[in-house]
Every structure is written in structure tokens, then in C-alpha cells.
Amino acid sequence: MKASDPSDLGTRYAAAWGSQDPESLASFFSEKGTLTVNSGTPTVGRAEIAETVGGFMAAFPDMVVAMESVPP
């Protein structure tokens, strides 16, 4: 992933959450990246992140995530 402005990154990240494609969201993280959702146990690495995100996407198939703004 190449560097981009924060607004573009936020828009693409939000779209990935709503994509129903866990791999799309996991691609925002490094191979050893971590994701913590709702104060839960962190998931480590793209495969675990995709699994965790897939669970949320399955539980909330109509989920909509939107990036409204990026603070200055």
C-alpha cells in the first residue's frame, strides 16, 4: 500500500470495513500488525485480523462504516 493523504486512507479503510471482504480490511495491516476491537484481546497478523473481522462482517452483514472527517 502506498502512502496517501489521511482523508483518502480513512475513506478506504471505512470502505474495507463495509466490504464484506475480510482480506480487504486485513490488507491495511502489516504481517505482524494488531487489531483490538471493543477492548478485546488483540488479534495479531493479517490472518487473525481477517478471521476476527470476518466474524464481525458475518454478524453484521448490513454494517455501514463511513469516514466523516479527519481532524487537523
N, C-alpha and C. Protein backbone atom coordinates (compact mmCIF):
# COMPACT_ATOMS: atom_id res chain seq x y z
N MET A 1 0.84 -1.17 0.00
CA MET A 1 0.00 0.00 0.00
C MET A 1 0.89 1.23 0.00
N LYS A 2 0.66 2.14 -0.91
CA LYS A 2 1.47 3.34 -0.94
C LYS A 2 0.85 4.42 -0.06
N ALA A 3 1.68 5.32 0.37
CA ALA A 3 1.24 6.41 1.24
C ALA A 3 0.23 7.28 0.52
N SER A 4 -0.73 7.78 1.28
CA SER A 4 -1.72 8.69 0.73
C SER A 4 -2.15 9.66 1.80
N ASP A 5 -2.99 10.60 1.43
CA ASP A 5 -3.41 11.58 2.42
C ASP A 5 -4.35 10.90 3.43
N PRO A 6 -4.41 11.43 4.66
CA PRO A 6 -5.20 10.80 5.71
C PRO A 6 -6.68 10.65 5.36
N SER A 7 -7.24 11.61 4.68
CA SER A 7 -8.65 11.52 4.31
C SER A 7 -8.91 10.35 3.37
N ASP A 8 -8.04 10.18 2.38
CA ASP A 8 -8.17 9.07 1.44
C ASP A 8 -8.00 7.74 2.18
N LEU A 9 -7.01 7.66 3.04
CA LEU A 9 -6.77 6.44 3.81
C LEU A 9 -7.99 6.10 4.66
N GLY A 10 -8.53 7.09 5.35
CA GLY A 10 -9.72 6.86 6.18
C GLY A 10 -10.91 6.40 5.38
N THR A 11 -11.11 6.99 4.22
CA THR A 11 -12.22 6.61 3.35
C THR A 11 -12.06 5.17 2.88
N ARG A 12 -10.86 4.79 2.47
CA ARG A 12 -10.62 3.43 2.00
C ARG A 12 -10.73 2.41 3.14
N TYR A 13 -10.26 2.78 4.34
CA TYR A 13 -10.34 1.88 5.50
C TYR A 13 -11.80 1.66 5.89
N ALA A 14 -12.58 2.72 5.92
CA ALA A 14 -14.01 2.59 6.23
C ALA A 14 -14.71 1.72 5.19
N ALA A 15 -14.39 1.92 3.93
CA ALA A 15 -14.99 1.11 2.86
C ALA A 15 -14.61 -0.36 3.02
N ALA A 16 -13.39 -0.63 3.46
CA ALA A 16 -12.97 -2.02 3.66
C ALA A 16 -13.78 -2.68 4.77
N TRP A 17 -14.11 -1.93 5.83
CA TRP A 17 -14.94 -2.49 6.91
C TRP A 17 -16.32 -2.87 6.38
N GLY A 18 -16.86 -2.12 5.46
CA GLY A 18 -18.18 -2.39 4.93
C GLY A 18 -18.19 -3.29 3.71
N SER A 19 -17.05 -3.79 3.30
CA SER A 19 -16.93 -4.52 2.04
C SER A 19 -17.39 -5.98 2.08
N GLN A 20 -17.55 -6.54 3.26
CA GLN A 20 -17.82 -7.98 3.42
C GLN A 20 -16.65 -8.82 2.88
N ASP A 21 -15.47 -8.24 2.85
CA ASP A 21 -14.25 -8.92 2.40
C ASP A 21 -13.18 -8.77 3.48
N PRO A 22 -13.08 -9.73 4.40
CA PRO A 22 -12.12 -9.61 5.50
C PRO A 22 -10.69 -9.40 5.04
N GLU A 23 -10.31 -10.00 3.93
CA GLU A 23 -8.94 -9.84 3.43
C GLU A 23 -8.68 -8.39 3.01
N SER A 24 -9.71 -7.72 2.51
CA SER A 24 -9.56 -6.32 2.12
C SER A 24 -9.20 -5.46 3.34
N LEU A 25 -9.87 -5.70 4.44
CA LEU A 25 -9.58 -4.95 5.66
C LEU A 25 -8.21 -5.34 6.21
N ALA A 26 -7.91 -6.63 6.22
CA ALA A 26 -6.63 -7.10 6.76
C ALA A 26 -5.45 -6.55 5.98
N SER A 27 -5.65 -6.22 4.71
CA SER A 27 -4.55 -5.70 3.90
C SER A 27 -4.05 -4.34 4.38
N PHE A 28 -4.78 -3.67 5.24
CA PHE A 28 -4.34 -2.38 5.78
C PHE A 28 -3.28 -2.56 6.86
N PHE A 29 -3.09 -3.79 7.32
CA PHE A 29 -2.17 -4.08 8.42
C PHE A 29 -0.92 -4.78 7.92
N SER A 30 0.18 -4.60 8.64
CA SER A 30 1.40 -5.33 8.31
C SER A 30 1.22 -6.79 8.70
N GLU A 31 2.14 -7.64 8.28
CA GLU A 31 2.06 -9.06 8.60
C GLU A 31 2.05 -9.32 10.10
N LYS A 32 2.63 -8.41 10.88
CA LYS A 32 2.65 -8.57 12.34
C LYS A 32 1.79 -7.51 13.03
N GLY A 33 0.92 -6.87 12.26
CA GLY A 33 0.05 -5.83 12.80
C GLY A 33 -0.94 -6.40 13.80
N THR A 34 -1.51 -5.52 14.62
CA THR A 34 -2.50 -5.94 15.60
C THR A 34 -3.78 -5.13 15.45
N LEU A 35 -4.89 -5.75 15.84
CA LEU A 35 -6.19 -5.10 15.84
C LEU A 35 -6.89 -5.46 17.14
N THR A 36 -7.34 -4.47 17.87
CA THR A 36 -8.11 -4.69 19.08
C THR A 36 -9.49 -4.09 18.86
N VAL A 37 -10.52 -4.90 19.04
CA VAL A 37 -11.89 -4.45 18.83
C VAL A 37 -12.62 -4.46 20.16
N ASN A 38 -13.23 -3.34 20.50
CA ASN A 38 -14.07 -3.23 21.69
C ASN A 38 -13.37 -3.71 22.96
N SER A 39 -12.15 -3.31 23.17
CA SER A 39 -11.35 -3.65 24.36
C SER A 39 -11.11 -5.15 24.51
N GLY A 40 -11.23 -5.89 23.43
CA GLY A 40 -10.99 -7.33 23.47
C GLY A 40 -9.52 -7.66 23.39
N THR A 41 -9.23 -8.93 23.30
CA THR A 41 -7.87 -9.40 23.15
C THR A 41 -7.37 -9.05 21.75
N PRO A 42 -6.18 -8.49 21.65
CA PRO A 42 -5.67 -8.14 20.32
C PRO A 42 -5.50 -9.37 19.43
N THR A 43 -5.82 -9.21 18.16
CA THR A 43 -5.50 -10.22 17.17
C THR A 43 -4.22 -9.77 16.49
N VAL A 44 -3.36 -10.72 16.17
CA VAL A 44 -2.03 -10.40 15.65
C VAL A 44 -1.85 -11.05 14.28
N GLY A 45 -1.45 -10.25 13.31
CA GLY A 45 -1.17 -10.74 11.97
C GLY A 45 -2.40 -10.69 11.08
N ARG A 46 -2.15 -10.60 9.80
CA ARG A 46 -3.24 -10.45 8.83
C ARG A 46 -4.23 -11.60 8.87
N ALA A 47 -3.75 -12.83 9.01
CA ALA A 47 -4.67 -13.98 9.01
C ALA A 47 -5.64 -13.90 10.19
N GLU A 48 -5.13 -13.62 11.39
CA GLU A 48 -6.01 -13.50 12.56
C GLU A 48 -6.91 -12.29 12.45
N ILE A 49 -6.38 -11.19 11.93
CA ILE A 49 -7.21 -10.00 11.74
C ILE A 49 -8.35 -10.31 10.78
N ALA A 50 -8.07 -10.98 9.67
CA ALA A 50 -9.11 -11.33 8.71
C ALA A 50 -10.16 -12.23 9.37
N GLU A 51 -9.72 -13.15 10.21
CA GLU A 51 -10.67 -14.04 10.90
C GLU A 51 -11.58 -13.25 11.84
N THR A 52 -10.99 -12.37 12.63
CA THR A 52 -11.77 -11.55 13.56
C THR A 52 -12.75 -10.65 12.81
N VAL A 53 -12.24 -9.98 11.80
CA VAL A 53 -13.07 -9.07 11.01
C VAL A 53 -14.18 -9.86 10.29
N GLY A 54 -13.84 -11.06 9.80
CA GLY A 54 -14.85 -11.89 9.15
C GLY A 54 -16.01 -12.21 10.07
N GLY A 55 -15.71 -12.43 11.35
CA GLY A 55 -16.76 -12.68 12.33
C GLY A 55 -17.70 -11.49 12.48
N PHE A 56 -17.13 -10.29 12.52
CA PHE A 56 -17.96 -9.09 12.61
C PHE A 56 -18.77 -8.89 11.33
N MET A 57 -18.14 -9.14 10.20
CA MET A 57 -18.85 -8.96 8.93
C MET A 57 -20.00 -9.96 8.80
N ALA A 58 -19.80 -11.19 9.28
CA ALA A 58 -20.86 -12.19 9.24
C ALA A 58 -22.00 -11.83 10.20
N ALA A 59 -21.63 -11.33 11.38
CA ALA A 59 -22.63 -10.97 12.37
C ALA A 59 -23.43 -9.72 11.99
N PHE A 60 -22.78 -8.84 11.25
CA PHE A 60 -23.42 -7.58 10.86
C PHE A 60 -23.31 -7.38 9.34
N PRO A 61 -24.03 -8.17 8.55
CA PRO A 61 -23.87 -8.12 7.09
C PRO A 61 -24.29 -6.79 6.46
N ASP A 62 -25.10 -6.02 7.17
CA ASP A 62 -25.53 -4.72 6.65
C ASP A 62 -24.74 -3.57 7.24
N MET A 63 -23.62 -3.88 7.88
CA MET A 63 -22.81 -2.86 8.53
C MET A 63 -22.36 -1.80 7.53
N VAL A 64 -22.48 -0.56 7.95
CA VAL A 64 -22.00 0.57 7.15
C VAL A 64 -21.03 1.35 8.02
N VAL A 65 -19.84 1.53 7.52
CA VAL A 65 -18.82 2.33 8.21
C VAL A 65 -18.46 3.47 7.28
N ALA A 66 -18.52 4.69 7.80
CA ALA A 66 -18.21 5.87 6.99
C ALA A 66 -17.21 6.74 7.70
N MET A 67 -16.30 7.30 6.95
CA MET A 67 -15.34 8.23 7.49
C MET A 67 -15.91 9.63 7.26
N GLU A 68 -16.20 10.32 8.35
CA GLU A 68 -16.82 11.64 8.24
C GLU A 68 -15.81 12.77 8.09
N SER A 69 -14.70 12.68 8.82
CA SER A 69 -13.71 13.75 8.73
C SER A 69 -12.40 13.28 9.34
N VAL A 70 -11.36 14.03 9.04
CA VAL A 70 -10.05 13.81 9.63
C VAL A 70 -9.69 15.09 10.34
N PRO A 71 -9.50 15.02 11.67
CA PRO A 71 -9.16 16.24 12.40
C PRO A 71 -7.83 16.81 11.91
N PRO A 72 -7.70 18.13 11.95
CA PRO A 72 -6.44 18.75 11.52
C PRO A 72 -5.29 18.41 12.42
